[in-house]
Amino acid sequence: SIELNVKEGLVDRMGSDYRFAHDHIQQVAYSFIAESERGKMHLWIGNQVWTNKLLSSEKALFIAVGQLNKGSILIDETHERVRIARLNLQAAEKSKSLAAFVPAAFYLHAGISLLGKTPWTNYYDLCLQLYGSCAEANFCIGNFDVMEGQLKEVFSNARCLDDELESFFIFVSALIAQNKMQEALEVGLLVSAQLGEPFLMHSNMRSIIMVEFAKTKIMIEGKLDDEFLTMKNMNDNHKIAAMRLMYILAL
C-alpha cells in the first residue's frame, strides 16, 4: 500500500499528496511499466492534470503538455491532436514570456507535428500562429536555418500581406543579426512598398532612414506631453507596420 511505501522511505507524504523520495526510485518504478502501456499512462496523467488543475494554472499547463506530448503517438482522433497542438502553442507563448525560448521552440515543433500532412487547409489560423511563433523562437536562440524553414511555410501559405507581416519583421531582424544588411534593406523596402510606403533604393539607405527619423524628431521637438495625449491615434495598420519596419532597419 501507499502507506507501506511511505514507511519504507520510498515515497514522501506532502500534505494530501505523495511524491517519490528520489528520482532513481521514480525511474525504477517507471521501468516496471510495460512500454506498450506507458503512452496510455502519460495521456491519462496529462488529461487528469489539465482537467482538475489542482496545481497553479501555469504549472498545470507545463506538466499536462509534457505528459500529453509523451503519449501523443497513440492519438488518432484529429480533434484531440488539434487540442493538444493548441495546448503546446499556449505553453510556448508562456515560455516565451519568461524568455525561455528553447522549451518554447520544443513545444511549437511538437504542436506542428500533431497537425498532419495538410494542416494549412484545415487549421489555417493555428498554423499561422504555430509556424510564426516557432520562427521567432528559433530566431531568438540563433537557429537561423530552422527559422527560415518555418518562415518559408508562412510565406508559401499566407493568404494576404497582413498575415505575413510578423514573419517579415522576424526575417528582417534575423538578416540584420547575421550582418546581412543589404539583404535586410532589400526585403524591408520591398515590404514597405507593399504597405504603400515606397522608398528608392540608395547605396547608403541606412543613412536615409536615419535622416527621416531626424526630420520626425525635429517636427515633434518642443511639444508638451499634453499635446501628444490629445493627438489622434494612428489607426492605419499598414502605416504602423511600415513605421515598425523602418525602426527595425534603423537600429
Protein backbone atom coordinates (compact mmCIF):
# COMPACT_ATOMS: atom_id res chain seq x y z
CA SER A 1 0.00 0.00 0.00
CA ILE A 2 1.00 3.65 -0.29
CA GLU A 3 1.41 3.90 3.49
CA LEU A 4 3.87 0.99 3.47
CA ASN A 5 5.91 2.78 0.79
CA VAL A 6 5.95 5.88 2.99
CA LYS A 7 7.22 3.84 5.96
CA GLU A 8 9.91 2.24 3.76
CA GLY A 9 11.09 5.70 2.69
CA LEU A 10 10.24 5.14 -0.97
CA VAL A 11 7.53 7.79 -1.04
CA ASP A 12 7.18 11.10 0.83
CA ARG A 13 3.87 12.47 2.02
CA MET A 14 3.31 16.13 1.01
CA GLY A 15 0.11 17.13 2.79
CA SER A 16 -2.59 15.25 0.96
CA ASP A 17 -0.23 14.39 -1.90
CA TYR A 18 2.62 11.92 -2.34
CA ARG A 19 5.88 12.03 -4.27
CA PHE A 20 8.79 9.68 -4.83
CA ALA A 21 11.56 10.20 -2.29
CA HIS A 22 14.23 10.15 -5.02
CA ASP A 23 14.39 10.41 -8.81
CA HIS A 24 16.09 6.99 -9.03
CA ILE A 25 13.14 5.38 -7.24
CA GLN A 26 10.79 7.01 -9.74
CA GLN A 27 12.91 5.76 -12.65
CA VAL A 28 12.90 2.19 -11.32
CA ALA A 29 9.13 2.31 -10.78
CA TYR A 30 8.69 3.62 -14.31
CA SER A 31 10.83 0.82 -15.73
CA PHE A 32 8.33 -1.74 -14.37
CA ILE A 33 5.57 -0.27 -16.56
CA ALA A 34 5.31 -2.13 -19.87
CA GLU A 35 6.39 0.06 -22.78
CA SER A 36 3.08 -0.63 -24.50
CA GLU A 37 1.28 0.94 -21.53
CA ARG A 38 3.46 3.98 -20.97
CA GLY A 39 1.85 6.13 -23.65
CA LYS A 40 -1.62 5.50 -22.24
CA MET A 41 -0.37 6.35 -18.76
CA HIS A 42 1.14 9.64 -19.96
CA LEU A 43 -2.11 10.60 -21.70
CA TRP A 44 -4.14 9.75 -18.60
CA ILE A 45 -1.87 11.79 -16.32
CA GLY A 46 -1.81 14.74 -18.73
CA ASN A 47 -5.58 14.85 -19.05
CA GLN A 48 -6.08 14.46 -15.30
CA VAL A 49 -3.68 17.29 -14.51
CA TRP A 50 -5.24 19.62 -17.09
CA THR A 51 -8.84 18.76 -16.26
CA ASN A 52 -8.55 19.02 -12.49
CA LYS A 53 -5.96 21.86 -12.35
CA LEU A 54 -5.15 21.18 -8.70
CA LEU A 55 -1.85 22.98 -9.32
CA SER A 56 -1.46 26.60 -10.43
CA SER A 57 -2.71 27.01 -14.00
CA GLU A 58 0.83 27.73 -15.25
CA LYS A 59 2.38 24.67 -13.59
CA ALA A 60 -0.58 22.51 -14.64
CA LEU A 61 -0.13 23.64 -18.25
CA PHE A 62 3.54 22.65 -18.45
CA ILE A 63 3.05 19.30 -16.68
CA ALA A 64 -0.04 18.42 -18.72
CA VAL A 65 1.54 19.32 -22.06
CA GLY A 66 4.71 17.39 -21.22
CA GLN A 67 2.69 14.28 -20.40
CA LEU A 68 0.35 14.62 -23.39
CA ASN A 69 3.28 15.02 -25.78
CA LYS A 70 4.84 11.78 -24.49
CA GLY A 71 1.64 9.89 -25.28
CA SER A 72 0.61 11.77 -28.42
CA ILE A 73 1.81 8.99 -30.75
CA LEU A 74 -1.21 6.97 -29.61
CA ILE A 75 -3.76 9.66 -30.51
CA ASP A 76 -5.68 9.05 -33.71
CA GLU A 77 -8.61 11.46 -33.30
CA THR A 78 -7.95 14.65 -35.26
CA HIS A 79 -9.83 16.91 -32.84
CA GLU A 80 -7.73 15.59 -29.94
CA ARG A 81 -4.46 16.15 -31.80
CA VAL A 82 -5.55 19.71 -32.59
CA ARG A 83 -6.48 20.28 -28.94
CA ILE A 84 -3.01 19.22 -27.81
CA ALA A 85 -1.40 21.32 -30.56
CA ARG A 86 -3.23 24.36 -29.14
CA LEU A 87 -2.01 23.50 -25.64
CA ASN A 88 1.55 23.32 -26.99
CA LEU A 89 1.09 26.77 -28.50
CA GLN A 90 -0.19 28.04 -25.16
CA ALA A 91 2.80 26.52 -23.33
CA ALA A 92 5.17 28.01 -25.90
CA GLU A 93 3.74 31.51 -25.57
CA LYS A 94 4.04 31.27 -21.78
CA SER A 95 7.65 30.07 -22.13
CA LYS A 96 8.45 32.98 -24.47
CA SER A 97 7.01 35.44 -21.95
CA LEU A 98 9.58 34.02 -19.50
CA ALA A 99 12.38 34.33 -22.12
CA ALA A 100 12.62 30.51 -22.19
CA PHE A 101 12.98 30.21 -25.96
CA VAL A 102 14.48 26.71 -26.15
CA PRO A 103 11.47 25.00 -24.50
CA ALA A 104 9.18 27.32 -26.47
CA ALA A 105 10.68 26.04 -29.73
CA PHE A 106 10.26 22.45 -28.50
CA TYR A 107 6.55 22.98 -27.73
CA LEU A 108 5.97 24.65 -31.09
CA HIS A 109 7.67 21.87 -33.06
CA ALA A 110 5.58 19.36 -31.11
CA GLY A 111 2.41 21.31 -31.90
CA ILE A 112 3.25 21.45 -35.61
CA SER A 113 3.94 17.70 -35.73
CA LEU A 114 0.46 16.98 -34.39
CA LEU A 115 -1.40 18.62 -37.29
CA GLY A 116 -0.79 16.07 -40.03
CA LYS A 117 0.05 16.47 -43.73
CA THR A 118 -2.32 19.25 -44.88
CA PRO A 119 -2.69 21.49 -41.83
CA TRP A 120 -2.88 24.82 -43.64
CA THR A 121 -6.08 23.81 -45.41
CA ASN A 122 -7.94 22.78 -42.27
CA TYR A 123 -6.29 24.81 -39.50
CA TYR A 124 -5.03 27.97 -41.17
CA ASP A 125 -5.10 30.33 -38.16
CA LEU A 126 -3.49 27.76 -35.86
CA CYS A 127 -0.75 27.05 -38.43
CA LEU A 128 -0.08 30.76 -38.83
CA GLN A 129 0.41 31.07 -35.07
CA LEU A 130 2.49 27.88 -34.68
CA TYR A 131 4.86 28.46 -37.59
CA GLY A 132 5.24 32.21 -36.96
CA SER A 133 5.88 31.72 -33.27
CA CYS A 134 8.25 28.83 -33.98
CA ALA A 135 10.25 31.01 -36.37
CA GLU A 136 10.52 33.70 -33.70
CA ALA A 137 11.65 31.24 -31.01
CA ASN A 138 14.32 29.78 -33.29
CA PHE A 139 15.47 33.28 -34.23
CA CYS A 140 15.89 34.10 -30.54
CA ILE A 141 18.14 31.08 -29.97
CA GLY A 142 20.11 31.57 -33.18
CA ASN A 143 18.73 28.59 -35.14
CA PHE A 144 18.52 30.58 -38.35
CA ASP A 145 18.27 27.61 -40.72
CA VAL A 146 15.31 26.19 -38.81
CA MET A 147 13.79 29.67 -38.60
CA GLU A 148 13.99 30.10 -42.38
CA GLY A 149 12.17 26.80 -42.87
CA GLN A 150 9.31 27.96 -40.66
CA LEU A 151 9.16 31.35 -42.42
CA LYS A 152 9.02 29.68 -45.84
CA GLU A 153 5.96 27.79 -44.65
CA VAL A 154 4.28 31.06 -43.69
CA PHE A 155 5.24 32.87 -46.91
CA SER A 156 4.10 29.91 -49.02
CA ASN A 157 0.71 29.57 -47.33
CA ALA A 158 -0.28 33.02 -46.05
CA ARG A 159 -3.44 34.34 -47.67
CA CYS A 160 -2.58 38.03 -47.53
CA LEU A 161 0.18 40.51 -46.70
CA ASP A 162 -1.26 41.19 -43.23
CA ASP A 163 -0.78 37.54 -42.32
CA GLU A 164 2.87 37.71 -43.42
CA LEU A 165 3.87 40.89 -41.61
CA GLU A 166 5.03 39.41 -38.31
CA SER A 167 7.11 36.88 -40.22
CA PHE A 168 8.68 39.64 -42.32
CA PHE A 169 9.63 41.51 -39.13
CA ILE A 170 11.34 38.35 -37.87
CA PHE A 171 13.07 37.75 -41.21
CA VAL A 172 14.46 41.29 -41.48
CA SER A 173 15.60 41.23 -37.83
CA ALA A 174 17.34 37.87 -38.42
CA LEU A 175 19.15 39.17 -41.51
CA ILE A 176 20.42 42.14 -39.52
CA ALA A 177 21.50 39.82 -36.68
CA GLN A 178 23.54 37.85 -39.25
CA ASN A 179 25.10 41.09 -40.55
CA LYS A 180 23.30 40.75 -43.90
CA MET A 181 22.34 44.42 -44.02
CA GLN A 182 21.98 44.74 -47.80
CA GLU A 183 19.58 41.79 -47.97
CA ALA A 184 17.68 43.13 -44.94
CA LEU A 185 17.26 46.50 -46.66
CA GLU A 186 16.08 44.91 -49.91
CA VAL A 187 13.46 42.78 -48.11
CA GLY A 188 12.44 45.65 -45.82
CA LEU A 189 11.98 48.13 -48.67
CA LEU A 190 10.06 45.59 -50.73
CA VAL A 191 7.62 45.04 -47.86
CA SER A 192 7.44 48.78 -47.19
CA ALA A 193 6.41 49.35 -50.81
CA GLN A 194 3.67 46.72 -50.47
CA LEU A 195 2.47 48.63 -47.40
CA GLY A 196 2.09 51.76 -49.50
CA GLU A 197 5.31 53.46 -48.38
CA PRO A 198 7.80 53.09 -51.28
CA PHE A 199 11.43 54.17 -50.92
CA LEU A 200 14.00 54.50 -53.69
CA MET A 201 16.96 52.19 -53.12
CA HIS A 202 20.10 54.10 -52.17
CA SER A 203 23.68 52.98 -51.65
CA ASN A 204 23.54 54.30 -48.10
CA MET A 205 19.93 53.51 -47.29
CA ARG A 206 20.51 53.30 -43.55
CA SER A 207 21.58 56.96 -43.51
CA ILE A 208 18.48 57.94 -45.50
CA ILE A 209 16.26 56.25 -42.91
CA MET A 210 18.13 57.97 -40.08
CA VAL A 211 17.64 61.34 -41.79
CA GLU A 212 13.89 60.70 -41.98
CA PHE A 213 13.87 59.85 -38.27
CA ALA A 214 15.75 63.10 -37.56
CA LYS A 215 13.16 65.07 -39.53
CA THR A 216 10.38 63.49 -37.48
CA LYS A 217 12.24 64.33 -34.27
CA ILE A 218 12.50 67.98 -35.32
CA MET A 219 8.77 68.07 -36.11
CA ILE A 220 7.80 66.97 -32.60
CA GLU A 221 10.52 68.89 -30.77
CA GLY A 222 9.13 71.25 -28.16
CA LYS A 223 5.72 69.63 -27.98
CA LEU A 224 4.36 69.00 -24.49
CA ASP A 225 3.11 65.67 -23.16
CA ASP A 226 -0.44 67.04 -23.08
CA GLU A 227 -0.24 67.83 -26.78
CA PHE A 228 0.74 64.24 -27.58
CA LEU A 229 -2.08 62.92 -25.42
CA THR A 230 -4.66 64.93 -27.35
CA MET A 231 -3.40 63.81 -30.76
CA LYS A 232 -5.49 61.35 -32.71
CA ASN A 233 -4.15 57.79 -32.55
CA MET A 234 -2.84 56.34 -35.80
CA ASN A 235 -5.26 53.61 -36.88
CA ASP A 236 -3.85 52.69 -40.29
CA ASN A 237 -2.31 49.27 -39.61
CA HIS A 238 -0.19 49.36 -42.76
CA LYS A 239 1.38 52.69 -41.81
CA ILE A 240 2.02 51.40 -38.29
CA ALA A 241 3.67 48.31 -39.78
CA ALA A 242 5.79 50.45 -42.14
CA MET A 243 6.99 52.55 -39.19
CA ARG A 244 7.89 49.42 -37.26
CA LEU A 245 9.83 48.12 -40.25
CA MET A 246 11.75 51.39 -40.62
CA TYR A 247 12.57 51.28 -36.92
CA ILE A 248 14.00 47.73 -37.27
CA LEU A 249 16.09 48.79 -40.25
CA ALA A 250 17.41 51.90 -38.47
CA LEU A 251 18.64 50.05 -35.36
